[in-house]
């Protein structure tokens, strides 16, 4: 049985911007609990403690709130991937071709590892970021990302560009390589959170993740 949330007393006023942030935070909490299907505008207003009509000043519809929550989920996914990238030691001094190739491979591996780790640690946000949302057939974070804050797709693309620059990925195989790599790693992530791999020990998931990334490295 689902534990009911107590209803806070309604508020009549918020400082400019506070209500938007409060509703967005409530939407993110709902996504964490139940994925995209749980993101309901009325429930968000109830949790914040305002009447439903107050939300329409910031979100014209439930779909608008869902897309804003999705953007936050994508940013969280990107952060998980960036943390893995930051663990790679920078090259210093003169570098050989082999060192550049090894670093490029490590960057692709870090992007994939961060993606699966995000799915494991935030399954509700993962489902919200990458599934259950009606969007055009384009990179999922193309519209919401900027050069200063790349999203998951941009981080993957940059890693593959590094692979090409280092001579690891032939230029004639670079086109659509994002989708090949993404499909493999996303499939593993879904098996881990919603499929037969759910409940495996963490060290086994880590081993499988590296095996899939080895396959991606060899196959693209």
C-alpha atoms as a PDB file:
ATOM      1  CA  UNK A   1       0.000   0.000   0.000  1.00  0.00           C
ATOM      2  CA  UNK A   2       1.356   3.390  -0.947  1.00  0.00           C
ATOM      3  CA  UNK A   3       2.101   5.667   1.975  1.00  0.00           C
ATOM      4  CA  UNK A   4      -0.013   8.828   1.646  1.00  0.00           C
ATOM      5  CA  UNK A   5       1.758  12.173   1.708  1.00  0.00           C
ATOM      6  CA  UNK A   6       0.311  14.760   4.085  1.00  0.00           C
ATOM      7  CA  UNK A   7      -1.154  17.781   2.353  1.00  0.00           C
ATOM      8  CA  UNK A   8       0.564  21.027   3.396  1.00  0.00           C
ATOM      9  CA  UNK A   9      -1.638  24.053   3.992  1.00  0.00           C
ATOM     10  CA  UNK A  10      -2.283  26.054   0.789  1.00  0.00           C
ATOM     11  CA  UNK A  11      -0.123  29.094   0.196  1.00  0.00           C
ATOM     12  CA  UNK A  12      -1.382  32.210  -1.498  1.00  0.00           C
ATOM     13  CA  UNK A  13       1.936  33.873  -2.300  1.00  0.00           C
ATOM     14  CA  UNK A  14       5.418  32.932  -3.475  1.00  0.00           C
ATOM     15  CA  UNK A  15       8.368  35.122  -4.317  1.00  0.00           C
ATOM     16  CA  UNK A  16       9.009  35.461  -8.046  1.00  0.00           C
ATOM     17  CA  UNK A  17      10.542  32.232  -9.327  1.00  0.00           C
ATOM     18  CA  UNK A  18      10.061  30.308  -6.094  1.00  0.00           C
ATOM     19  CA  UNK A  19       6.875  28.607  -7.216  1.00  0.00           C
ATOM     20  CA  UNK A  20       8.463  27.492 -10.475  1.00  0.00           C
ATOM     21  CA  UNK A  21      11.385  25.963  -8.604  1.00  0.00           C
ATOM     22  CA  UNK A  22       9.118  24.392  -5.988  1.00  0.00           C
ATOM     23  CA  UNK A  23       6.914  22.782  -8.629  1.00  0.00           C
ATOM     24  CA  UNK A  24       9.935  21.576 -10.571  1.00  0.00           C
ATOM     25  CA  UNK A  25      11.476  20.050  -7.446  1.00  0.00           C
ATOM     26  CA  UNK A  26       8.178  18.351  -6.673  1.00  0.00           C
ATOM     27  CA  UNK A  27       8.067  17.024 -10.238  1.00  0.00           C
ATOM     28  CA  UNK A  28      11.610  15.665  -9.930  1.00  0.00           C
ATOM     29  CA  UNK A  29      10.653  13.928  -6.671  1.00  0.00           C
ATOM     30  CA  UNK A  30       7.665  12.352  -8.385  1.00  0.00           C
ATOM     31  CA  UNK A  31       9.873  11.153 -11.241  1.00  0.00           C
ATOM     32  CA  UNK A  32      12.313   9.632  -8.764  1.00  0.00           C
ATOM     33  CA  UNK A  33       9.473   7.715  -7.149  1.00  0.00           C
ATOM     34  CA  UNK A  34       7.636   6.499 -10.235  1.00  0.00           C
ATOM     35  CA  UNK A  35       9.241   7.578 -13.488  1.00  0.00           C
ATOM     36  CA  UNK A  36       7.574   9.788 -16.123  1.00  0.00           C
ATOM     37  CA  UNK A  37       4.073   8.411 -15.536  1.00  0.00           C
ATOM     38  CA  UNK A  38       4.159   9.701 -11.953  1.00  0.00           C
ATOM     39  CA  UNK A  39       4.839  13.337 -12.920  1.00  0.00           C
ATOM     40  CA  UNK A  40       1.409  14.917 -12.441  1.00  0.00           C
ATOM     41  CA  UNK A  41       0.881  18.668 -12.259  1.00  0.00           C
ATOM     42  CA  UNK A  42      -1.960  18.391  -9.753  1.00  0.00           C
ATOM     43  CA  UNK A  43       0.102  16.205  -7.439  1.00  0.00           C
ATOM     44  CA  UNK A  44       3.025  18.617  -7.728  1.00  0.00           C
ATOM     45  CA  UNK A  45       0.813  21.526  -6.655  1.00  0.00           C
ATOM     46  CA  UNK A  46      -0.563  19.468  -3.782  1.00  0.00           C
ATOM     47  CA  UNK A  47       2.924  18.728  -2.514  1.00  0.00           C
ATOM     48  CA  UNK A  48       3.963  22.351  -2.829  1.00  0.00           C
ATOM     49  CA  UNK A  49       0.773  23.481  -1.107  1.00  0.00           C
ATOM     50  CA  UNK A  50      -0.869  25.686  -3.728  1.00  0.00           C
ATOM     51  CA  UNK A  51      -4.126  25.426  -5.631  1.00  0.00           C
ATOM     52  CA  UNK A  52      -3.789  23.739  -9.057  1.00  0.00           C
ATOM     53  CA  UNK A  53      -4.551  26.933 -10.975  1.00  0.00           C
ATOM     54  CA  UNK A  54      -1.456  28.580  -9.514  1.00  0.00           C
ATOM     55  CA  UNK A  55       0.754  26.237 -11.535  1.00  0.00           C
ATOM     56  CA  UNK A  56      -0.492  27.423 -14.915  1.00  0.00           C
ATOM     57  CA  UNK A  57       1.468  30.659 -14.576  1.00  0.00           C
ATOM     58  CA  UNK A  58       4.618  28.544 -14.976  1.00  0.00           C
ATOM     59  CA  UNK A  59       3.503  25.313 -16.664  1.00  0.00           C
ATOM     60  CA  UNK A  60       0.725  25.448 -19.227  1.00  0.00           C
ATOM     61  CA  UNK A  61       0.114  21.717 -18.976  1.00  0.00           C
ATOM     62  CA  UNK A  62       1.279  18.507 -17.384  1.00  0.00           C
ATOM     63  CA  UNK A  63       3.375  17.893 -20.486  1.00  0.00           C
ATOM     64  CA  UNK A  64       5.247  21.158 -19.851  1.00  0.00           C
ATOM     65  CA  UNK A  65       6.102  20.082 -16.317  1.00  0.00           C
ATOM     66  CA  UNK A  66       7.197  16.678 -17.567  1.00  0.00           C
ATOM     67  CA  UNK A  67       9.533  18.212 -20.135  1.00  0.00           C
ATOM     68  CA  UNK A  68      11.075  20.476 -17.483  1.00  0.00           C
ATOM     69  CA  UNK A  69      11.573  17.478 -15.197  1.00  0.00           C
ATOM     70  CA  UNK A  70      13.077  15.576 -18.110  1.00  0.00           C
ATOM     71  CA  UNK A  71      15.601  18.356 -18.671  1.00  0.00           C
ATOM     72  CA  UNK A  72      16.625  18.076 -15.009  1.00  0.00           C
ATOM     73  CA  UNK A  73      16.925  14.295 -15.345  1.00  0.00           C
ATOM     74  CA  UNK A  74      19.154  14.684 -18.404  1.00  0.00           C
ATOM     75  CA  UNK A  75      21.349  17.146 -16.513  1.00  0.00           C
ATOM     76  CA  UNK A  76      21.685  14.644 -13.664  1.00  0.00           C
ATOM     77  CA  UNK A  77      22.625  11.908 -16.137  1.00  0.00           C
ATOM     78  CA  UNK A  78      25.254  14.179 -17.684  1.00  0.00           C
ATOM     79  CA  UNK A  79      26.672  14.929 -14.241  1.00  0.00           C
ATOM     80  CA  UNK A  80      27.088  11.200 -13.556  1.00  0.00           C
ATOM     81  CA  UNK A  81      28.968  10.834 -16.840  1.00  0.00           C
ATOM     82  CA  UNK A  82      31.117  13.899 -16.159  1.00  0.00           C
ATOM     83  CA  UNK A  83      32.147  12.517 -12.766  1.00  0.00           C
ATOM     84  CA  UNK A  84      33.508   9.447 -14.533  1.00  0.00           C
ATOM     85  CA  UNK A  85      35.293  11.602 -17.104  1.00  0.00           C
ATOM     86  CA  UNK A  86      36.910  13.650 -14.336  1.00  0.00           C
ATOM     87  CA  UNK A  87      38.496  10.496 -12.935  1.00  0.00           C
ATOM     88  CA  UNK A  88      40.683  10.145 -16.049  1.00  0.00           C
ATOM     89  CA  UNK A  89      44.146  11.513 -15.429  1.00  0.00           C
ATOM     90  CA  UNK A  90      45.121  14.291 -17.868  1.00  0.00           C
ATOM     91  CA  UNK A  91      48.000  13.776 -20.260  1.00  0.00           C
ATOM     92  CA  UNK A  92      51.005  15.977 -19.569  1.00  0.00           C
ATOM     93  CA  UNK A  93      54.019  16.841 -21.679  1.00  0.00           C
ATOM     94  CA  UNK A  94      54.621  15.222 -25.038  1.00  0.00           C
ATOM     95  CA  UNK A  95      52.157  12.459 -25.773  1.00  0.00           C
ATOM     96  CA  UNK A  96      52.439   9.489 -28.054  1.00  0.00           C
ATOM     97  CA  UNK A  97      49.801   8.228 -30.442  1.00  0.00           C
ATOM     98  CA  UNK A  98      49.289   5.227 -28.168  1.00  0.00           C
ATOM     99  CA  UNK A  99      48.650   7.494 -25.181  1.00  0.00           C
ATOM    100  CA  UNK A 100      46.103   9.543 -27.120  1.00  0.00           C
ATOM    101  CA  UNK A 101      44.359   6.376 -28.244  1.00  0.00           C
ATOM    102  CA  UNK A 102      44.264   4.986 -24.709  1.00  0.00           C
ATOM    103  CA  UNK A 103      42.845   8.252 -23.364  1.00  0.00           C
ATOM    104  CA  UNK A 104      40.167   8.350 -26.081  1.00  0.00           C
ATOM    105  CA  UNK A 105      39.136   4.800 -25.237  1.00  0.00           C
ATOM    106  CA  UNK A 106      39.062   5.667 -21.535  1.00  0.00           C
ATOM    107  CA  UNK A 107      36.771   8.628 -22.221  1.00  0.00           C
ATOM    108  CA  UNK A 108      34.284   6.482 -24.135  1.00  0.00           C
ATOM    109  CA  UNK A 109      34.384   3.924 -21.332  1.00  0.00           C
ATOM    110  CA  UNK A 110      33.801   6.645 -18.718  1.00  0.00           C
ATOM    111  CA  UNK A 111      30.754   7.972 -20.577  1.00  0.00           C
ATOM    112  CA  UNK A 112      29.212   4.499 -20.720  1.00  0.00           C
ATOM    113  CA  UNK A 113      30.061   3.687 -17.117  1.00  0.00           C
ATOM    114  CA  UNK A 114      28.493   6.935 -15.924  1.00  0.00           C
ATOM    115  CA  UNK A 115      25.354   6.218 -17.945  1.00  0.00           C
ATOM    116  CA  UNK A 116      24.825   2.784 -16.378  1.00  0.00           C
ATOM    117  CA  UNK A 117      25.682   4.111 -12.922  1.00  0.00           C
ATOM    118  CA  UNK A 118      23.017   6.800 -13.317  1.00  0.00           C
ATOM    119  CA  UNK A 119      20.453   4.141 -14.267  1.00  0.00           C
ATOM    120  CA  UNK A 120      21.351   2.122 -11.165  1.00  0.00           C
ATOM    121  CA  UNK A 121      21.319   5.039  -8.723  1.00  0.00           C
ATOM    122  CA  UNK A 122      18.366   6.980 -10.183  1.00  0.00           C
ATOM    123  CA  UNK A 123      16.091   4.524 -12.032  1.00  0.00           C
ATOM    124  CA  UNK A 124      13.064   6.828 -11.917  1.00  0.00           C
ATOM    125  CA  UNK A 125      14.995   9.762 -13.344  1.00  0.00           C
ATOM    126  CA  UNK A 126      16.658   7.470 -15.892  1.00  0.00           C
ATOM    127  CA  UNK A 127      13.271   6.314 -17.172  1.00  0.00           C
ATOM    128  CA  UNK A 128      12.105   9.932 -17.290  1.00  0.00           C
ATOM    129  CA  UNK A 129      15.195  11.098 -19.175  1.00  0.00           C
ATOM    130  CA  UNK A 130      15.261   8.363 -21.802  1.00  0.00           C
ATOM    131  CA  UNK A 131      11.817   6.851 -22.084  1.00  0.00           C
ATOM    132  CA  UNK A 132       8.102   7.433 -21.851  1.00  0.00           C
ATOM    133  CA  UNK A 133       8.207  10.969 -23.251  1.00  0.00           C
ATOM    134  CA  UNK A 134       6.869  11.947 -26.682  1.00  0.00           C
ATOM    135  CA  UNK A 135       9.717  13.772 -28.418  1.00  0.00           C
ATOM    136  CA  UNK A 136      10.946  14.250 -31.993  1.00  0.00           C
ATOM    137  CA  UNK A 137      13.497  11.780 -33.308  1.00  0.00           C
ATOM    138  CA  UNK A 138      16.550  13.800 -32.358  1.00  0.00           C
ATOM    139  CA  UNK A 139      19.202  13.545 -29.669  1.00  0.00           C
ATOM    140  CA  UNK A 140      17.266  13.605 -26.379  1.00  0.00           C
ATOM    141  CA  UNK A 141      19.112  16.620 -24.988  1.00  0.00           C
ATOM    142  CA  UNK A 142      19.751  18.540 -28.212  1.00  0.00           C
ATOM    143  CA  UNK A 143      17.366  21.364 -27.434  1.00  0.00           C
ATOM    144  CA  UNK A 144      18.181  21.763 -23.757  1.00  0.00           C
ATOM    145  CA  UNK A 145      21.958  21.604 -23.756  1.00  0.00           C
ATOM    146  CA  UNK A 146      24.532  24.325 -24.287  1.00  0.00           C
ATOM    147  CA  UNK A 147      28.278  24.268 -24.975  1.00  0.00           C
ATOM    148  CA  UNK A 148      28.914  25.112 -21.311  1.00  0.00           C
ATOM    149  CA  UNK A 149      26.624  22.340 -20.075  1.00  0.00           C
ATOM    150  CA  UNK A 150      26.699  19.407 -22.494  1.00  0.00           C
ATOM    151  CA  UNK A 151      24.098  16.703 -22.096  1.00  0.00           C
ATOM    152  CA  UNK A 152      24.510  12.926 -22.322  1.00  0.00           C
ATOM    153  CA  UNK A 153      24.322  12.819 -26.113  1.00  0.00           C
ATOM    154  CA  UNK A 154      26.903  15.585 -26.496  1.00  0.00           C
ATOM    155  CA  UNK A 155      29.264  13.863 -24.052  1.00  0.00           C
ATOM    156  CA  UNK A 156      28.991  10.638 -26.025  1.00  0.00           C
ATOM    157  CA  UNK A 157      29.523  12.463 -29.322  1.00  0.00           C
ATOM    158  CA  UNK A 158      32.611  14.240 -27.944  1.00  0.00           C
ATOM    159  CA  UNK A 159      34.080  10.945 -26.771  1.00  0.00           C
ATOM    160  CA  UNK A 160      33.571   9.429 -30.215  1.00  0.00           C
ATOM    161  CA  UNK A 161      35.101  12.494 -31.854  1.00  0.00           C
ATOM    162  CA  UNK A 162      38.147  11.971 -29.623  1.00  0.00           C
ATOM    163  CA  UNK A 163      38.271   8.348 -30.783  1.00  0.00           C
ATOM    164  CA  UNK A 164      38.313   9.515 -34.395  1.00  0.00           C
ATOM    165  CA  UNK A 165      40.939  12.198 -33.757  1.00  0.00           C
ATOM    166  CA  UNK A 166      43.154   9.626 -32.022  1.00  0.00           C
ATOM    167  CA  UNK A 167      42.879   7.249 -34.970  1.00  0.00           C
ATOM    168  CA  UNK A 168      40.940   4.635 -33.015  1.00  0.00           C
ATOM    169  CA  UNK A 169      37.625   5.059 -34.839  1.00  0.00           C
ATOM    170  CA  UNK A 170      37.919   5.315 -38.642  1.00  0.00           C
ATOM    171  CA  UNK A 171      36.273   8.433 -40.042  1.00  0.00           C
ATOM    172  CA  UNK A 172      34.132   6.394 -42.428  1.00  0.00           C
ATOM    173  CA  UNK A 173      32.570   4.651 -39.398  1.00  0.00           C
ATOM    174  CA  UNK A 174      32.017   7.778 -37.330  1.00  0.00           C
ATOM    175  CA  UNK A 175      28.559   8.547 -38.781  1.00  0.00           C
ATOM    176  CA  UNK A 176      25.807   7.293 -36.456  1.00  0.00           C
ATOM    177  CA  UNK A 177      28.346   5.676 -34.115  1.00  0.00           C
ATOM    178  CA  UNK A 178      26.509   7.419 -31.247  1.00  0.00           C
ATOM    179  CA  UNK A 179      23.440   5.304 -31.862  1.00  0.00           C
ATOM    180  CA  UNK A 180      25.393   2.046 -32.041  1.00  0.00           C
ATOM    181  CA  UNK A 181      27.195   2.725 -28.751  1.00  0.00           C
ATOM    182  CA  UNK A 182      24.133   4.184 -27.084  1.00  0.00           C
ATOM    183  CA  UNK A 183      21.904   1.242 -28.028  1.00  0.00           C
ATOM    184  CA  UNK A 184      24.282  -1.286 -26.488  1.00  0.00           C
ATOM    185  CA  UNK A 185      24.809   0.563 -23.204  1.00  0.00           C
ATOM    186  CA  UNK A 186      21.157   1.591 -22.883  1.00  0.00           C
ATOM    187  CA  UNK A 187      20.100  -2.013 -23.393  1.00  0.00           C
ATOM    188  CA  UNK A 188      22.328  -3.095 -20.535  1.00  0.00           C
ATOM    189  CA  UNK A 189      20.997  -0.308 -18.312  1.00  0.00           C
ATOM    190  CA  UNK A 190      17.400  -1.372 -18.954  1.00  0.00           C
ATOM    191  CA  UNK A 191      18.215  -5.022 -18.219  1.00  0.00           C
ATOM    192  CA  UNK A 192      19.769  -3.914 -14.944  1.00  0.00           C
ATOM    193  CA  UNK A 193      16.886  -1.762 -13.707  1.00  0.00           C
ATOM    194  CA  UNK A 194      13.844  -3.387 -15.336  1.00  0.00           C
ATOM    195  CA  UNK A 195      14.951  -6.770 -16.635  1.00  0.00           C
ATOM    196  CA  UNK A 196      16.457 -10.101 -15.654  1.00  0.00           C
ATOM    197  CA  UNK A 197      19.728  -8.515 -14.508  1.00  0.00           C
ATOM    198  CA  UNK A 198      17.920  -6.589 -11.762  1.00  0.00           C
ATOM    199  CA  UNK A 199      19.260  -7.547  -8.370  1.00  0.00           C
ATOM    200  CA  UNK A 200      22.660  -8.741  -9.532  1.00  0.00           C
ATOM    201  CA  UNK A 201      25.525  -7.889  -7.179  1.00  0.00           C
ATOM    202  CA  UNK A 202      27.178  -4.544  -7.887  1.00  0.00           C
ATOM    203  CA  UNK A 203      30.519  -6.128  -8.814  1.00  0.00           C
ATOM    204  CA  UNK A 204      28.796  -8.353 -11.381  1.00  0.00           C
ATOM    205  CA  UNK A 205      27.029  -5.383 -12.963  1.00  0.00           C
ATOM    206  CA  UNK A 206      30.346  -3.556 -13.075  1.00  0.00           C
ATOM    207  CA  UNK A 207      31.946  -6.524 -14.832  1.00  0.00           C
ATOM    208  CA  UNK A 208      29.105  -6.744 -17.354  1.00  0.00           C
ATOM    209  CA  UNK A 209      29.290  -3.004 -17.992  1.00  0.00           C
ATOM    210  CA  UNK A 210      32.978  -3.240 -18.845  1.00  0.00           C
ATOM    211  CA  UNK A 211      32.323  -6.264 -21.079  1.00  0.00           C
ATOM    212  CA  UNK A 212      29.665  -4.356 -23.027  1.00  0.00           C
ATOM    213  CA  UNK A 213      31.979  -1.352 -23.350  1.00  0.00           C
ATOM    214  CA  UNK A 214      34.740  -3.644 -24.636  1.00  0.00           C
ATOM    215  CA  UNK A 215      32.295  -4.895 -27.263  1.00  0.00           C
ATOM    216  CA  UNK A 216      31.324  -1.333 -28.219  1.00  0.00           C
ATOM    217  CA  UNK A 217      34.986  -0.349 -28.525  1.00  0.00           C
ATOM    218  CA  UNK A 218      35.706  -3.276 -30.842  1.00  0.00           C
ATOM    219  CA  UNK A 219      32.495  -2.990 -32.808  1.00  0.00           C
ATOM    220  CA  UNK A 220      32.128   0.672 -33.742  1.00  0.00           C
END
